[in-house]
Amino acid sequence: MRKVNNMDKTYADDGHTEIERQISDYLCKATGLFMKLEQTHPSEKGNFAMGIHICQALLGMRTLRRDYPDAYPTYKEDKK
């Protein structure tokens, strides 16, 4: 485990938090399970994979924002 940007949270060697690592693992498991399903439309597996890739890109951007905050700023949720 390593510290990122002197924050008090611990991150895995790949830059993910524990929750992000769990999400990544679930995305991989979901992909494996979906690909076992009988295909019912020619584009469904490709579309599913595209959705997973979008989720993976979002997780990757979180790491970039932590490691390079000047280039990739963080915008906190506006809680009203």
PDB file of N, CA and C in Angstrom:
ATOM      1  N   MET A   1       0.838  -1.172   0.000  1.00  0.00           N
ATOM      2  CA  MET A   1       0.000   0.000   0.000  1.00  0.00           C
ATOM      3  C   MET A   1       0.887   1.241   0.000  1.00  0.00           C
ATOM      4  N   ARG A   2       0.370   2.311  -0.571  1.00  0.00           N
ATOM      5  CA  ARG A   2       1.136   3.551  -0.606  1.00  0.00           C
ATOM      6  C   ARG A   2       0.216   4.726  -0.298  1.00  0.00           C
ATOM      7  N   LYS A   3       0.822   5.802   0.125  1.00  0.00           N
ATOM      8  CA  LYS A   3       0.079   7.049   0.347  1.00  0.00           C
ATOM      9  C   LYS A   3       0.119   7.851  -0.943  1.00  0.00           C
ATOM     10  N   VAL A   4      -0.948   8.517  -1.273  1.00  0.00           N
ATOM     11  CA  VAL A   4      -1.027   9.323  -2.493  1.00  0.00           C
ATOM     12  C   VAL A   4      -1.229  10.777  -2.101  1.00  0.00           C
ATOM     13  N   ASN A   5      -0.376  11.656  -2.642  1.00  0.00           N
ATOM     14  CA  ASN A   5      -0.500  13.102  -2.416  1.00  0.00           C
ATOM     15  C   ASN A   5      -0.575  13.462  -0.925  1.00  0.00           C
ATOM     16  N   ASN A   6       0.144  12.713  -0.090  1.00  0.00           N
ATOM     17  CA  ASN A   6       0.180  12.967   1.357  1.00  0.00           C
ATOM     18  C   ASN A   6      -1.201  12.985   1.992  1.00  0.00           C
ATOM     19  N   MET A   7      -2.141  12.323   1.381  1.00  0.00           N
ATOM     20  CA  MET A   7      -3.478  12.225   1.959  1.00  0.00           C
ATOM     21  C   MET A   7      -3.443  11.145   3.034  1.00  0.00           C
ATOM     22  N   ASP A   8      -4.388  11.163   3.915  1.00  0.00           N
ATOM     23  CA  ASP A   8      -4.390  10.189   5.002  1.00  0.00           C
ATOM     24  C   ASP A   8      -5.108   8.897   4.644  1.00  0.00           C
ATOM     25  N   LYS A   9      -5.454   8.735   3.380  1.00  0.00           N
ATOM     26  CA  LYS A   9      -6.077   7.491   2.930  1.00  0.00           C
ATOM     27  C   LYS A   9      -4.998   6.603   2.315  1.00  0.00           C
ATOM     28  N   THR A  10      -5.149   5.309   2.458  1.00  0.00           N
ATOM     29  CA  THR A  10      -4.188   4.369   1.903  1.00  0.00           C
ATOM     30  C   THR A  10      -4.719   3.813   0.596  1.00  0.00           C
ATOM     31  N   TYR A  11      -3.848   3.705  -0.395  1.00  0.00           N
ATOM     32  CA  TYR A  11      -4.222   3.248  -1.722  1.00  0.00           C
ATOM     33  C   TYR A  11      -3.410   2.024  -2.102  1.00  0.00           C
ATOM     34  N   ALA A  12      -3.998   1.177  -2.909  1.00  0.00           N
ATOM     35  CA  ALA A  12      -3.300   0.005  -3.415  1.00  0.00           C
ATOM     36  C   ALA A  12      -2.193   0.454  -4.361  1.00  0.00           C
ATOM     37  N   ASP A  13      -1.287  -0.445  -4.693  1.00  0.00           N
ATOM     38  CA  ASP A  13      -0.164  -0.110  -5.565  1.00  0.00           C
ATOM     39  C   ASP A  13      -0.614   0.354  -6.945  1.00  0.00           C
ATOM     40  N   ASP A  14      -1.843   0.076  -7.322  1.00  0.00           N
ATOM     41  CA  ASP A  14      -2.348   0.525  -8.626  1.00  0.00           C
ATOM     42  C   ASP A  14      -3.006   1.892  -8.550  1.00  0.00           C
ATOM     43  N   GLY A  15      -2.997   2.521  -7.382  1.00  0.00           N
ATOM     44  CA  GLY A  15      -3.559   3.857  -7.237  1.00  0.00           C
ATOM     45  C   GLY A  15      -5.008   3.909  -6.836  1.00  0.00           C
ATOM     46  N   HIS A  16      -5.659   2.760  -6.739  1.00  0.00           N
ATOM     47  CA  HIS A  16      -7.072   2.726  -6.360  1.00  0.00           C
ATOM     48  C   HIS A  16      -7.229   2.724  -4.846  1.00  0.00           C
ATOM     49  N   THR A  17      -8.330   3.303  -4.396  1.00  0.00           N
ATOM     50  CA  THR A  17      -8.710   3.114  -2.997  1.00  0.00           C
ATOM     51  C   THR A  17      -9.260   1.693  -2.880  1.00  0.00           C
ATOM     52  N   GLU A  18      -9.501   1.260  -1.668  1.00  0.00           N
ATOM     53  CA  GLU A  18     -10.057  -0.083  -1.471  1.00  0.00           C
ATOM     54  C   GLU A  18     -11.424  -0.203  -2.142  1.00  0.00           C
ATOM     55  N   ILE A  19     -12.245   0.821  -2.027  1.00  0.00           N
ATOM     56  CA  ILE A  19     -13.579   0.772  -2.649  1.00  0.00           C
ATOM     57  C   ILE A  19     -13.451   0.753  -4.172  1.00  0.00           C
ATOM     58  N   GLU A  20     -12.558   1.574  -4.722  1.00  0.00           N
ATOM     59  CA  GLU A  20     -12.351   1.570  -6.177  1.00  0.00           C
ATOM     60  C   GLU A  20     -11.853   0.213  -6.659  1.00  0.00           C
ATOM     61  N   ARG A  21     -10.985  -0.430  -5.884  1.00  0.00           N
ATOM     62  CA  ARG A  21     -10.484  -1.766  -6.232  1.00  0.00           C
ATOM     63  C   ARG A  21     -11.648  -2.750  -6.250  1.00  0.00           C
ATOM     64  N   GLN A  22     -12.537  -2.673  -5.268  1.00  0.00           N
ATOM     65  CA  GLN A  22     -13.698  -3.557  -5.225  1.00  0.00           C
ATOM     66  C   GLN A  22     -14.594  -3.326  -6.438  1.00  0.00           C
ATOM     67  N   ILE A  23     -14.813  -2.070  -6.796  1.00  0.00           N
ATOM     68  CA  ILE A  23     -15.635  -1.753  -7.970  1.00  0.00           C
ATOM     69  C   ILE A  23     -15.005  -2.357  -9.216  1.00  0.00           C
ATOM     70  N   SER A  24     -13.695  -2.195  -9.349  1.00  0.00           N
ATOM     71  CA  SER A  24     -12.988  -2.752 -10.504  1.00  0.00           C
ATOM     72  C   SER A  24     -13.147  -4.270 -10.564  1.00  0.00           C
ATOM     73  N   ASP A  25     -13.019  -4.914  -9.420  1.00  0.00           N
ATOM     74  CA  ASP A  25     -13.188  -6.374  -9.366  1.00  0.00           C
ATOM     75  C   ASP A  25     -14.607  -6.779  -9.763  1.00  0.00           C
ATOM     76  N   TYR A  26     -15.609  -6.031  -9.293  1.00  0.00           N
ATOM     77  CA  TYR A  26     -16.999  -6.334  -9.646  1.00  0.00           C
ATOM     78  C   TYR A  26     -17.253  -6.129 -11.138  1.00  0.00           C
ATOM     79  N   LEU A  27     -16.638  -5.108 -11.712  1.00  0.00           N
ATOM     80  CA  LEU A  27     -16.796  -4.888 -13.157  1.00  0.00           C
ATOM     81  C   LEU A  27     -16.230  -6.079 -13.936  1.00  0.00           C
ATOM     82  N   CYS A  28     -15.083  -6.581 -13.496  1.00  0.00           N
ATOM     83  CA  CYS A  28     -14.487  -7.756 -14.164  1.00  0.00           C
ATOM     84  C   CYS A  28     -15.376  -8.979 -14.012  1.00  0.00           C
ATOM     85  N   LYS A  29     -15.920  -9.176 -12.815  1.00  0.00           N
ATOM     86  CA  LYS A  29     -16.806 -10.315 -12.581  1.00  0.00           C
ATOM     87  C   LYS A  29     -18.082 -10.190 -13.420  1.00  0.00           C
ATOM     88  N   ALA A  30     -18.637  -8.986 -13.474  1.00  0.00           N
ATOM     89  CA  ALA A  30     -19.850  -8.770 -14.265  1.00  0.00           C
ATOM     90  C   ALA A  30     -19.589  -9.070 -15.735  1.00  0.00           C
ATOM     91  N   THR A  31     -18.435  -8.659 -16.243  1.00  0.00           N
ATOM     92  CA  THR A  31     -18.087  -8.929 -17.638  1.00  0.00           C
ATOM     93  C   THR A  31     -18.011 -10.428 -17.891  1.00  0.00           C
ATOM     94  N   GLY A  32     -17.317 -11.130 -17.018  1.00  0.00           N
ATOM     95  CA  GLY A  32     -17.186 -12.575 -17.181  1.00  0.00           C
ATOM     96  C   GLY A  32     -18.526 -13.281 -17.177  1.00  0.00           C
ATOM     97  N   LEU A  33     -19.409 -12.869 -16.280  1.00  0.00           N
ATOM     98  CA  LEU A  33     -20.739 -13.481 -16.209  1.00  0.00           C
ATOM     99  C   LEU A  33     -21.575 -13.139 -17.436  1.00  0.00           C
ATOM    100  N   PHE A  34     -21.534 -11.883 -17.862  1.00  0.00           N
ATOM    101  CA  PHE A  34     -22.339 -11.479 -19.009  1.00  0.00           C
ATOM    102  C   PHE A  34     -21.913 -12.241 -20.264  1.00  0.00           C
ATOM    103  N   MET A  35     -20.612 -12.438 -20.427  1.00  0.00           N
ATOM    104  CA  MET A  35     -20.109 -13.118 -21.622  1.00  0.00           C
ATOM    105  C   MET A  35     -20.501 -14.593 -21.650  1.00  0.00           C
ATOM    106  N   LYS A  36     -20.914 -15.146 -20.511  1.00  0.00           N
ATOM    107  CA  LYS A  36     -21.383 -16.530 -20.465  1.00  0.00           C
ATOM    108  C   LYS A  36     -22.830 -16.664 -20.942  1.00  0.00           C
ATOM    109  N   LEU A  37     -23.549 -15.543 -20.964  1.00  0.00           N
ATOM    110  CA  LEU A  37     -24.940 -15.579 -21.395  1.00  0.00           C
ATOM    111  C   LEU A  37     -25.044 -15.908 -22.877  1.00  0.00           C
ATOM    112  N   GLU A  38     -26.134 -16.566 -23.230  1.00  0.00           N
ATOM    113  CA  GLU A  38     -26.408 -16.809 -24.644  1.00  0.00           C
ATOM    114  C   GLU A  38     -26.698 -15.461 -25.309  1.00  0.00           C
ATOM    115  N   GLN A  39     -26.061 -15.226 -26.427  1.00  0.00           N
ATOM    116  CA  GLN A  39     -26.258 -13.976 -27.153  1.00  0.00           C
ATOM    117  C   GLN A  39     -27.664 -13.913 -27.735  1.00  0.00           C
ATOM    118  N   THR A  40     -28.339 -12.768 -27.529  1.00  0.00           N
ATOM    119  CA  THR A  40     -29.679 -12.596 -28.089  1.00  0.00           C
ATOM    120  C   THR A  40     -29.744 -11.439 -29.084  1.00  0.00           C
ATOM    121  N   HIS A  41     -28.622 -10.746 -29.256  1.00  0.00           N
ATOM    122  CA  HIS A  41     -28.533  -9.671 -30.242  1.00  0.00           C
ATOM    123  C   HIS A  41     -27.070  -9.545 -30.643  1.00  0.00           C
ATOM    124  N   PRO A  42     -26.790  -9.301 -31.923  1.00  0.00           N
ATOM    125  CA  PRO A  42     -25.404  -9.267 -32.395  1.00  0.00           C
ATOM    126  C   PRO A  42     -24.502  -8.229 -31.715  1.00  0.00           C
ATOM    127  N   SER A  43     -25.067  -7.145 -31.227  1.00  0.00           N
ATOM    128  CA  SER A  43     -24.226  -6.091 -30.669  1.00  0.00           C
ATOM    129  C   SER A  43     -24.214  -6.041 -29.140  1.00  0.00           C
ATOM    130  N   GLU A  44     -24.937  -6.953 -28.473  1.00  0.00           N
ATOM    131  CA  GLU A  44     -25.080  -6.818 -27.024  1.00  0.00           C
ATOM    132  C   GLU A  44     -23.760  -6.999 -26.267  1.00  0.00           C
ATOM    133  N   LYS A  45     -22.930  -7.928 -26.670  1.00  0.00           N
ATOM    134  CA  LYS A  45     -21.671  -8.139 -25.945  1.00  0.00           C
ATOM    135  C   LYS A  45     -20.722  -6.958 -26.143  1.00  0.00           C
ATOM    136  N   GLY A  46     -20.670  -6.434 -27.342  1.00  0.00           N
ATOM    137  CA  GLY A  46     -19.839  -5.260 -27.599  1.00  0.00           C
ATOM    138  C   GLY A  46     -20.339  -4.044 -26.834  1.00  0.00           C
ATOM    139  N   ASN A  47     -21.654  -3.865 -26.800  1.00  0.00           N
ATOM    140  CA  ASN A  47     -22.231  -2.742 -26.058  1.00  0.00           C
ATOM    141  C   ASN A  47     -21.977  -2.880 -24.560  1.00  0.00           C
ATOM    142  N   PHE A  48     -22.083  -4.087 -24.048  1.00  0.00           N
ATOM    143  CA  PHE A  48     -21.817  -4.318 -22.630  1.00  0.00           C
ATOM    144  C   PHE A  48     -20.360  -3.992 -22.326  1.00  0.00           C
ATOM    145  N   ALA A  49     -19.457  -4.477 -23.165  1.00  0.00           N
ATOM    146  CA  ALA A  49     -18.030  -4.209 -22.970  1.00  0.00           C
ATOM    147  C   ALA A  49     -17.744  -2.708 -23.032  1.00  0.00           C
ATOM    148  N   MET A  50     -18.409  -1.987 -23.925  1.00  0.00           N
ATOM    149  CA  MET A  50     -18.222  -0.543 -24.022  1.00  0.00           C
ATOM    150  C   MET A  50     -18.652   0.141 -22.724  1.00  0.00           C
ATOM    151  N   GLY A  51     -19.761  -0.310 -22.152  1.00  0.00           N
ATOM    152  CA  GLY A  51     -20.222   0.247 -20.877  1.00  0.00           C
ATOM    153  C   GLY A  51     -19.223  -0.008 -19.757  1.00  0.00           C
ATOM    154  N   ILE A  52     -18.660  -1.201 -19.726  1.00  0.00           N
ATOM    155  CA  ILE A  52     -17.643  -1.530 -18.722  1.00  0.00           C
ATOM    156  C   ILE A  52     -16.424  -0.641 -18.911  1.00  0.00           C
ATOM    157  N   HIS A  53     -16.004  -0.436 -20.162  1.00  0.00           N
ATOM    158  CA  HIS A  53     -14.836   0.413 -20.434  1.00  0.00           C
ATOM    159  C   HIS A  53     -15.081   1.852 -19.989  1.00  0.00           C
ATOM    160  N   ILE A  54     -16.294   2.337 -20.127  1.00  0.00           N
ATOM    161  CA  ILE A  54     -16.622   3.687 -19.653  1.00  0.00           C
ATOM    162  C   ILE A  54     -16.463   3.740 -18.130  1.00  0.00           C
ATOM    163  N   CYS A  55     -16.955   2.729 -17.438  1.00  0.00           N
ATOM    164  CA  CYS A  55     -16.807   2.676 -15.976  1.00  0.00           C
ATOM    165  C   CYS A  55     -15.336   2.604 -15.577  1.00  0.00           C
ATOM    166  N   GLN A  56     -14.541   1.814 -16.281  1.00  0.00           N
ATOM    167  CA  GLN A  56     -13.115   1.716 -15.985  1.00  0.00           C
ATOM    168  C   GLN A  56     -12.411   3.051 -16.226  1.00  0.00           C
ATOM    169  N   ALA A  57     -12.809   3.763 -17.263  1.00  0.00           N
ATOM    170  CA  ALA A  57     -12.215   5.075 -17.543  1.00  0.00           C
ATOM    171  C   ALA A  57     -12.528   6.056 -16.410  1.00  0.00           C
ATOM    172  N   LEU A  58     -13.753   5.999 -15.880  1.00  0.00           N
ATOM    173  CA  LEU A  58     -14.114   6.864 -14.756  1.00  0.00           C
ATOM    174  C   LEU A  58     -13.266   6.559 -13.530  1.00  0.00           C
ATOM    175  N   LEU A  59     -13.033   5.289 -13.262  1.00  0.00           N
ATOM    176  CA  LEU A  59     -12.163   4.922 -12.134  1.00  0.00           C
ATOM    177  C   LEU A  59     -10.739   5.419 -12.363  1.00  0.00           C
ATOM    178  N   GLY A  60     -10.250   5.280 -13.581  1.00  0.00           N
ATOM    179  CA  GLY A  60      -8.902   5.739 -13.900  1.00  0.00           C
ATOM    180  C   GLY A  60      -8.751   7.241 -13.744  1.00  0.00           C
ATOM    181  N   MET A  61      -9.780   7.988 -14.083  1.00  0.00           N
ATOM    182  CA  MET A  61      -9.723   9.445 -13.936  1.00  0.00           C
ATOM    183  C   MET A  61      -9.619   9.855 -12.470  1.00  0.00           C
ATOM    184  N   ARG A  62     -10.181   9.081 -11.586  1.00  0.00           N
ATOM    185  CA  ARG A  62     -10.069   9.387 -10.156  1.00  0.00           C
ATOM    186  C   ARG A  62      -8.608   9.329  -9.726  1.00  0.00           C
ATOM    187  N   THR A  63      -7.878   8.331 -10.211  1.00  0.00           N
ATOM    188  CA  THR A  63      -6.457   8.213  -9.894  1.00  0.00           C
ATOM    189  C   THR A  63      -5.683   9.392 -10.480  1.00  0.00           C
ATOM    190  N   LEU A  64      -5.981   9.756 -11.733  1.00  0.00           N
ATOM    191  CA  LEU A  64      -5.307  10.903 -12.349  1.00  0.00           C
ATOM    192  C   LEU A  64      -5.559  12.182 -11.563  1.00  0.00           C
ATOM    193  N   ARG A  65      -6.796  12.381 -11.115  1.00  0.00           N
ATOM    194  CA  ARG A  65      -7.096  13.593 -10.349  1.00  0.00           C
ATOM    195  C   ARG A  65      -6.332  13.637  -9.038  1.00  0.00           C
ATOM    196  N   ARG A  66      -6.130  12.467  -8.411  1.00  0.00           N
ATOM    197  CA  ARG A  66      -5.350  12.439  -7.172  1.00  0.00           C
ATOM    198  C   ARG A  66      -3.867  12.687  -7.446  1.00  0.00           C
ATOM    199  N   ASP A  67      -3.339  12.046  -8.486  1.00  0.00           N
ATOM    200  CA  ASP A  67      -1.900  12.138  -8.762  1.00  0.00           C
ATOM    201  C   ASP A  67      -1.491  13.427  -9.453  1.00  0.00           C
ATOM    202  N   TYR A  68      -2.388  14.011 -10.243  1.00  0.00           N
ATOM    203  CA  TYR A  68      -2.078  15.228 -10.999  1.00  0.00           C
ATOM    204  C   TYR A  68      -3.206  16.250 -10.829  1.00  0.00           C
ATOM    205  N   PRO A  69      -3.380  16.773  -9.622  1.00  0.00           N
ATOM    206  CA  PRO A  69      -4.514  17.655  -9.360  1.00  0.00           C
ATOM    207  C   PRO A  69      -4.468  18.970 -10.139  1.00  0.00           C
ATOM    208  N   ASP A  70      -3.292  19.418 -10.530  1.00  0.00           N
ATOM    209  CA  ASP A  70      -3.219  20.666 -11.300  1.00  0.00           C
ATOM    210  C   ASP A  70      -3.744  20.475 -12.718  1.00  0.00           C
ATOM    211  N   ALA A  71      -3.468  19.331 -13.302  1.00  0.00           N
ATOM    212  CA  ALA A  71      -3.922  19.051 -14.667  1.00  0.00           C
ATOM    213  C   ALA A  71      -5.352  18.524 -14.703  1.00  0.00           C
ATOM    214  N   TYR A  72      -5.724  17.786 -13.664  1.00  0.00           N
ATOM    215  CA  TYR A  72      -7.056  17.168 -13.596  1.00  0.00           C
ATOM    216  C   TYR A  72      -7.698  17.550 -12.264  1.00  0.00           C
ATOM    217  N   PRO A  73      -8.303  18.741 -12.177  1.00  0.00           N
ATOM    218  CA  PRO A  73      -8.835  19.199 -10.899  1.00  0.00           C
ATOM    219  C   PRO A  73     -10.031  18.377 -10.436  1.00  0.00           C
ATOM    220  N   THR A  74     -10.203  18.368  -9.139  1.00  0.00           N
ATOM    221  CA  THR A  74     -11.324  17.678  -8.501  1.00  0.00           C
ATOM    222  C   THR A  74     -12.417  18.696  -8.198  1.00  0.00           C
ATOM    223  N   TYR A  75     -13.636  18.338  -8.497  1.00  0.00           N
ATOM    224  CA  TYR A  75     -14.794  19.174  -8.189  1.00  0.00           C
ATOM    225  C   TYR A  75     -15.678  18.394  -7.242  1.00  0.00           C
ATOM    226  N   LYS A  76     -15.754  18.868  -6.016  1.00  0.00           N
ATOM    227  CA  LYS A  76     -16.550  18.183  -5.004  1.00  0.00           C
ATOM    228  C   LYS A  76     -18.029  18.328  -5.285  1.00  0.00           C
ATOM    229  N   GLU A  77     -18.783  17.341  -4.838  1.00  0.00           N
ATOM    230  CA  GLU A  77     -20.240  17.341  -5.003  1.00  0.00           C
ATOM    231  C   GLU A  77     -20.838  18.522  -4.255  1.00  0.00           C
ATOM    232  N   ASP A  78     -21.722  19.247  -4.911  1.00  0.00           N
ATOM    233  CA  ASP A  78     -22.411  20.375  -4.295  1.00  0.00           C
ATOM    234  C   ASP A  78     -23.605  19.835  -3.513  1.00  0.00           C
ATOM    235  N   LYS A  79     -23.458  19.722  -2.214  1.00  0.00           N
ATOM    236  CA  LYS A  79     -24.518  19.166  -1.365  1.00  0.00           C
ATOM    237  C   LYS A  79     -25.430  20.294  -0.903  1.00  0.00           C
ATOM    238  N   LYS A  80     -26.665  20.242  -1.347  1.00  0.00           N
ATOM    239  CA  LYS A  80     -27.632  21.297  -0.992  1.00  0.00           C
ATOM    240  C   LYS A  80     -28.624  20.790  -0.007  1.00  0.00           C
TER     241      LYS A  80
END
